[in-house]
Amino acid sequence: MPAVRIGALVNTRAGRARRDPVLVERLHRHVPAERLRATRSTEEIAPALDVLRKADVDTLVVVGGDGSVGGTLGVLVERWPAAAWPRVLLAPGGTVNTISRSLGATGTPETLLERLCRSPECFAESRRPLVRVTPADGASRSGMIFANGVAVRWLELYYEDSPLGVVGATQVVARIAGSALVGGGLARRVFAPVAARIELDEHPLDCDRFTVVAASSVLHIGLGFQPFHTAGSDPERFHFAITNAPARRLVRELPALRAGKPTPGSCVTHHSVRRARLRFETPQAWSIDADLHPKTRELELSATPPLRFLTSAKRP
């Protein structure tokens, strides 16, 4: 088997690196200095990837949180020739790590990197695209999970006054769910419908408003919820989910959405698509990989060519 040229890019602003200041030093035991880059800002990502590309890296370990995924891979797909894209292993280095966990990453970045160096053949491979989001009045962003509507308002509450991590995320879900069950003002604000025209693969949806829209190329959305049951089944498509259900109805379906098993008569409709276009009646904020972006009147979602992700390690 040919030698694997492993490179690593570490987001030192992510939760694990902040808590472990010698993490990068320990990773140097497994990756030579010319193939290990540590970044402290988004501006440093492109130069770091250029160094790794010139080092002929064919397997890239990305150490960071959910925001690091799109922040890194979105730059990679724009700067590297598609034929030279490396295989990618997402190592959990953030606070929640929804995306890396969804792809089966277990253990610390150090143990994953050590395992990859020792037995690269023990990792399975999954081909799947990124979701590229292009606003009408701004630059494109790519990542694994796009959200609009309720999901964006949930993130705004989470970042506003909650402790970061699973505990804070769970608290926000509980607040909204409790408000929904009693018809409270918080739920009415979070679940206010969004007027929009939506096309999927150039076919208009018979729907002029929604409460939640989401698109993903991974199964999970966090906190054990796995609503994107077709994600990863087609390397050229992403999963698109939409509902116009009010708060109380959607809360009743949370167990099914957590289990990833659509039920007959569900208020959420699911589609496997290459492209989606959203035209809003009023400007709306949006999110990719839990990062919030400014309001816009129009968004186009498209699947990038598939990347090769290394997923949960197989037993030798």
Protein backbone atom coordinates (compact mmCIF):
# COMPACT_ATOMS: atom_id res chain seq x y z
CA MET A 1 0.00 0.00 0.00
CA PRO A 2 1.47 3.42 -0.95
CA ALA A 3 2.52 5.65 1.93
CA VAL A 4 -0.16 8.09 3.04
CA ARG A 5 0.89 11.75 3.18
CA ILE A 6 -1.11 13.02 6.13
CA GLY A 7 -1.51 16.70 6.86
CA ALA A 8 -3.35 18.41 9.70
CA LEU A 9 -4.95 21.80 10.14
CA VAL A 10 -5.82 22.84 13.70
CA ASN A 11 -8.17 25.69 14.60
CA THR A 12 -6.58 26.96 17.81
CA ARG A 13 -9.68 29.07 18.58
CA ALA A 14 -11.85 25.94 18.88
CA GLY A 15 -12.82 24.69 22.32
CA ARG A 16 -10.44 21.75 22.68
CA ALA A 17 -7.35 23.67 21.55
CA ARG A 18 -8.18 26.54 23.90
CA ARG A 19 -8.45 24.09 26.79
CA ASP A 20 -5.33 22.17 25.73
CA PRO A 21 -2.57 24.62 24.79
CA VAL A 22 -0.03 21.85 24.05
CA LEU A 23 -2.34 19.96 21.66
CA VAL A 24 -0.51 21.17 18.55
CA GLU A 25 2.84 20.22 20.08
CA ARG A 26 1.62 16.66 20.72
CA LEU A 27 0.23 16.34 17.19
CA HIS A 28 3.75 17.11 15.90
CA ARG A 29 4.72 13.62 17.09
CA HIS A 30 2.62 12.16 14.29
CA VAL A 31 2.84 14.80 11.54
CA PRO A 32 6.01 16.62 10.42
CA ALA A 33 6.13 20.39 10.82
CA GLU A 34 5.74 21.11 7.09
CA ARG A 35 2.42 19.23 7.08
CA LEU A 36 0.90 20.64 10.28
CA ARG A 37 -0.68 24.10 10.29
CA ALA A 38 -2.31 25.90 13.22
CA THR A 39 -4.67 28.79 12.48
CA ARG A 40 -5.91 31.56 14.76
CA SER A 41 -8.24 33.37 12.33
CA THR A 42 -10.23 32.74 9.17
CA GLU A 43 -7.69 34.81 7.22
CA GLU A 44 -5.00 32.23 7.99
CA ILE A 45 -6.92 29.25 6.55
CA ALA A 46 -6.19 29.85 2.84
CA PRO A 47 -2.40 30.29 3.30
CA ALA A 48 -2.31 27.22 5.55
CA LEU A 49 -4.13 25.10 2.95
CA ASP A 50 -1.77 26.39 0.24
CA VAL A 51 1.18 25.10 2.27
CA LEU A 52 -0.45 21.70 2.71
CA ARG A 53 -1.32 21.46 -0.99
CA LYS A 54 2.31 22.19 -1.96
CA ALA A 55 3.37 19.46 0.48
CA ASP A 56 1.31 16.97 -1.59
CA VAL A 57 -0.98 16.10 1.32
CA ASP A 58 -3.43 13.39 0.25
CA THR A 59 -5.21 12.95 3.61
CA LEU A 60 -6.20 16.02 5.62
CA VAL A 61 -7.13 15.94 9.31
CA VAL A 62 -9.22 18.98 10.31
CA VAL A 63 -9.18 19.63 14.06
CA GLY A 64 -11.88 22.05 15.17
CA GLY A 65 -15.56 22.52 15.88
CA ASP A 66 -18.52 22.63 13.52
CA GLY A 67 -17.65 26.10 12.28
CA SER A 68 -14.17 24.87 11.34
CA VAL A 69 -15.65 22.37 8.89
CA GLY A 70 -17.16 24.83 6.44
CA GLY A 71 -14.52 27.43 7.22
CA THR A 72 -11.80 25.03 6.14
CA LEU A 73 -13.40 22.81 3.51
CA GLY A 74 -15.22 25.68 1.84
CA VAL A 75 -11.83 27.30 1.21
CA LEU A 76 -10.30 23.98 0.15
CA VAL A 77 -12.83 23.29 -2.61
CA GLU A 78 -12.31 26.77 -4.03
CA ARG A 79 -8.48 26.76 -3.98
CA TRP A 80 -7.46 23.16 -4.71
CA PRO A 81 -8.08 21.49 -8.10
CA ALA A 82 -10.88 18.97 -7.63
CA ALA A 83 -8.68 16.14 -8.91
CA ALA A 84 -6.22 16.86 -6.08
CA TRP A 85 -8.72 17.11 -3.20
CA PRO A 86 -7.41 15.08 -0.26
CA ARG A 87 -9.39 12.63 1.77
CA VAL A 88 -10.71 14.37 4.89
CA LEU A 89 -10.90 13.21 8.49
CA LEU A 90 -12.84 15.54 10.80
CA ALA A 91 -11.48 15.29 14.34
CA PRO A 92 -13.64 16.63 17.20
CA GLY A 93 -11.87 19.75 18.42
CA GLY A 94 -14.76 22.05 19.25
CA THR A 95 -17.46 22.41 21.89
CA VAL A 96 -20.30 20.34 20.39
CA ASN A 97 -18.73 18.60 17.34
CA THR A 98 -22.03 17.68 15.69
CA ILE A 99 -20.54 17.13 12.23
CA SER A 100 -17.49 15.07 13.16
CA ARG A 101 -19.62 12.92 15.47
CA SER A 102 -22.14 12.42 12.68
CA LEU A 103 -19.33 10.98 10.58
CA GLY A 104 -18.38 8.59 13.34
CA ALA A 105 -15.33 10.30 14.84
CA THR A 106 -14.55 8.89 18.27
CA GLY A 107 -11.68 9.73 20.54
CA THR A 108 -9.42 12.76 20.71
CA PRO A 109 -7.71 14.39 17.73
CA GLU A 110 -4.45 12.85 18.92
CA THR A 111 -5.81 9.29 19.11
CA LEU A 112 -7.53 9.61 15.73
CA LEU A 113 -4.36 10.93 14.10
CA GLU A 114 -2.27 8.20 15.70
CA ARG A 115 -4.71 5.56 14.46
CA LEU A 116 -4.73 7.05 10.97
CA CYS A 117 -0.91 7.03 10.80
CA ARG A 118 -0.71 3.46 12.07
CA SER A 119 -3.63 1.85 10.19
CA PRO A 120 -5.14 4.09 7.48
CA GLU A 121 -6.83 1.06 5.91
CA CYS A 122 -9.00 0.70 9.01
CA PHE A 123 -11.02 3.81 8.15
CA ALA A 124 -14.12 3.60 6.00
CA GLU A 125 -14.66 6.19 3.27
CA SER A 126 -17.83 8.12 2.47
CA ARG A 127 -18.29 10.37 -0.58
CA ARG A 128 -20.59 13.31 -0.03
CA PRO A 129 -20.85 16.95 -1.16
CA LEU A 130 -20.71 20.17 0.75
CA VAL A 131 -23.73 22.45 0.64
CA ARG A 132 -22.65 25.65 -1.12
CA VAL A 133 -24.83 28.64 -0.15
CA THR A 134 -24.76 31.73 -2.35
CA PRO A 135 -26.68 34.84 -1.20
CA ALA A 136 -27.87 37.33 -3.79
CA ASP A 137 -25.71 40.05 -2.27
CA GLY A 138 -22.65 38.32 -0.86
CA ALA A 139 -19.95 35.69 -1.15
CA SER A 140 -20.67 31.97 -1.21
CA ARG A 141 -20.11 29.83 1.87
CA SER A 142 -19.87 26.04 1.93
CA GLY A 143 -20.42 23.58 4.74
CA MET A 144 -22.34 20.52 5.83
CA ILE A 145 -25.50 21.91 7.49
CA PHE A 146 -27.57 24.87 6.24
CA ALA A 147 -30.45 26.26 8.30
CA ASN A 148 -33.08 28.96 8.09
CA GLY A 149 -36.20 29.96 10.01
CA VAL A 150 -36.60 28.41 13.47
CA ALA A 151 -33.10 26.94 13.41
CA VAL A 152 -31.52 30.37 12.94
CA ARG A 153 -33.59 31.87 15.76
CA TRP A 154 -32.55 28.94 17.94
CA LEU A 155 -28.90 29.72 17.22
CA GLU A 156 -29.46 33.39 18.01
CA LEU A 157 -30.86 32.42 21.43
CA TYR A 158 -28.03 29.94 21.98
CA TYR A 159 -25.30 32.48 21.27
CA GLU A 160 -27.14 35.28 23.09
CA ASP A 161 -27.37 34.08 26.67
CA SER A 162 -26.65 30.34 26.98
CA PRO A 163 -23.51 28.49 28.08
CA LEU A 164 -21.87 27.04 24.98
CA GLY A 165 -21.98 23.28 24.64
CA VAL A 166 -24.52 20.51 25.05
CA VAL A 167 -25.90 21.92 28.31
CA GLY A 168 -26.64 25.33 26.81
CA ALA A 169 -28.10 23.83 23.64
CA THR A 170 -30.38 21.57 25.66
CA GLN A 171 -31.54 24.51 27.77
CA VAL A 172 -32.58 26.45 24.67
CA VAL A 173 -34.49 23.46 23.26
CA ALA A 174 -36.26 23.00 26.61
CA ARG A 175 -37.21 26.69 26.80
CA ILE A 176 -38.68 26.71 23.31
CA ALA A 177 -40.46 23.36 23.72
CA GLY A 178 -41.97 24.42 27.05
CA SER A 179 -43.17 27.70 25.56
CA ALA A 180 -44.66 25.84 22.57
CA LEU A 181 -46.66 23.49 24.76
CA VAL A 182 -48.39 26.39 26.54
CA GLY A 183 -48.63 28.70 23.53
CA GLY A 184 -46.07 31.12 24.97
CA GLY A 185 -44.64 34.26 23.40
CA LEU A 186 -41.13 32.82 22.98
CA ALA A 187 -42.40 29.98 20.81
CA ARG A 188 -44.58 32.33 18.77
CA ARG A 189 -41.56 34.54 18.07
CA VAL A 190 -39.21 31.66 17.26
CA PHE A 191 -41.80 29.88 15.07
CA ALA A 192 -43.02 32.95 13.19
CA PRO A 193 -43.52 31.73 9.59
CA VAL A 194 -41.28 32.98 6.79
CA ALA A 195 -42.91 33.89 3.47
CA ALA A 196 -40.84 32.55 0.59
CA ARG A 197 -40.88 30.95 -2.84
CA ILE A 198 -38.77 27.79 -3.04
CA GLU A 199 -37.52 25.78 -6.00
CA LEU A 200 -35.86 22.37 -5.76
CA ASP A 201 -33.90 21.32 -8.84
CA GLU A 202 -35.78 24.08 -10.73
CA HIS A 203 -39.21 22.74 -9.72
CA PRO A 204 -41.28 25.10 -7.51
CA LEU A 205 -42.59 23.74 -4.23
CA ASP A 206 -46.29 24.02 -3.55
CA CYS A 207 -45.55 26.06 -0.44
CA ASP A 208 -45.35 29.83 0.08
CA ARG A 209 -44.18 29.93 3.70
CA PHE A 210 -42.24 27.83 6.16
CA THR A 211 -41.18 27.71 9.78
CA VAL A 212 -38.08 25.54 9.27
CA VAL A 213 -35.88 24.91 6.24
CA ALA A 214 -32.66 22.91 6.52
CA ALA A 215 -30.24 21.18 4.16
CA SER A 216 -27.47 18.80 5.05
CA SER A 217 -25.00 16.24 3.78
CA VAL A 218 -24.71 14.60 7.22
CA LEU A 219 -27.33 12.74 9.22
CA HIS A 220 -27.26 14.59 12.54
CA ILE A 221 -28.16 18.14 13.53
CA GLY A 222 -27.02 17.87 17.18
CA LEU A 223 -28.34 16.72 20.56
CA GLY A 224 -28.96 13.26 19.11
CA PHE A 225 -31.39 14.48 16.43
CA GLN A 226 -30.89 12.83 13.05
CA PRO A 227 -33.56 14.20 10.70
CA PHE A 228 -31.51 14.04 7.47
CA HIS A 229 -32.06 10.36 6.75
CA THR A 230 -31.01 10.52 3.05
CA ALA A 231 -27.76 12.43 3.70
CA GLY A 232 -24.77 10.50 2.38
CA SER A 233 -26.87 8.11 0.28
CA ASP A 234 -26.09 9.96 -2.97
CA PRO A 235 -22.64 11.58 -3.38
CA GLU A 236 -24.08 14.28 -5.65
CA ARG A 237 -27.08 15.34 -3.58
CA PHE A 238 -27.88 16.78 -0.16
CA HIS A 239 -30.94 16.28 2.04
CA PHE A 240 -33.45 19.17 2.06
CA ALA A 241 -36.15 19.30 4.75
CA ILE A 242 -38.99 21.81 5.10
CA THR A 243 -42.06 22.33 7.24
CA ASN A 244 -44.61 25.07 7.79
CA ALA A 245 -45.86 23.47 11.00
CA PRO A 246 -46.49 25.67 14.05
CA ALA A 247 -44.56 25.16 17.26
CA ARG A 248 -46.92 22.75 19.05
CA ARG A 249 -47.22 20.41 16.05
CA LEU A 250 -43.48 20.31 15.44
CA VAL A 251 -42.71 19.69 19.12
CA ARG A 252 -44.94 16.59 18.98
CA GLU A 253 -42.76 15.23 16.18
CA LEU A 254 -39.45 15.73 17.99
CA PRO A 255 -39.16 12.04 19.03
CA ALA A 256 -39.47 10.89 15.40
CA LEU A 257 -37.01 13.53 14.21
CA ARG A 258 -34.57 12.46 16.91
CA ALA A 259 -34.86 8.84 15.84
CA GLY A 260 -34.40 9.71 12.18
CA LYS A 261 -37.52 7.79 11.19
CA PRO A 262 -40.12 9.78 9.21
CA THR A 263 -43.66 8.89 10.21
CA PRO A 264 -46.76 8.72 7.97
CA GLY A 265 -48.48 12.09 7.88
CA SER A 266 -45.37 13.89 9.14
CA CYS A 267 -45.49 17.67 8.98
CA VAL A 268 -41.89 17.68 7.67
CA THR A 269 -41.27 16.89 4.00
CA HIS A 270 -37.92 15.53 2.83
CA HIS A 271 -36.16 15.79 -0.53
CA SER A 272 -32.85 14.64 -1.99
CA VAL A 273 -31.66 17.41 -4.32
CA ARG A 274 -28.72 18.94 -6.17
CA ARG A 275 -29.93 22.53 -6.01
CA ALA A 276 -32.41 24.72 -4.13
CA ARG A 277 -33.39 28.37 -4.48
CA LEU A 278 -35.10 30.41 -1.76
CA ARG A 279 -36.63 33.84 -2.47
CA PHE A 280 -37.81 35.58 0.69
CA GLU A 281 -40.52 38.19 0.98
CA THR A 282 -38.40 40.02 3.56
CA PRO A 283 -34.64 39.61 4.18
CA GLN A 284 -33.72 36.63 6.35
CA ALA A 285 -30.60 35.60 8.24
CA TRP A 286 -29.19 32.14 7.57
CA SER A 287 -26.66 29.71 8.95
CA ILE A 288 -24.06 27.27 7.66
CA ASP A 289 -22.42 24.89 10.15
CA ALA A 290 -23.80 26.90 13.09
CA ASP A 291 -22.23 30.18 11.89
CA LEU A 292 -24.76 32.98 11.42
CA HIS A 293 -24.74 35.15 8.28
CA PRO A 294 -26.43 38.49 7.44
CA LYS A 295 -29.95 38.81 6.12
CA THR A 296 -30.61 38.50 2.41
CA ARG A 297 -33.61 38.26 0.09
CA GLU A 298 -32.41 35.30 -1.95
CA LEU A 299 -30.27 32.21 -1.46
CA GLU A 300 -29.12 29.53 -3.85
CA LEU A 301 -28.00 26.17 -2.46
CA SER A 302 -25.99 23.74 -4.57
CA ALA A 303 -24.07 20.53 -4.05
CA THR A 304 -20.33 20.75 -4.59
CA PRO A 305 -18.56 17.82 -6.23
CA PRO A 306 -18.24 15.11 -3.57
CA LEU A 307 -15.33 14.97 -1.14
CA ARG A 308 -14.02 11.74 0.33
CA PHE A 309 -14.56 11.69 4.08
CA LEU A 310 -12.93 9.14 6.34
CA THR A 311 -15.59 7.87 8.70
CA SER A 312 -15.72 5.62 11.73
CA ALA A 313 -12.79 3.26 11.91
CA LYS A 314 -13.42 -0.32 10.85
CA ARG A 315 -12.04 -3.10 12.99
CA PRO A 316 -8.93 -4.67 11.46
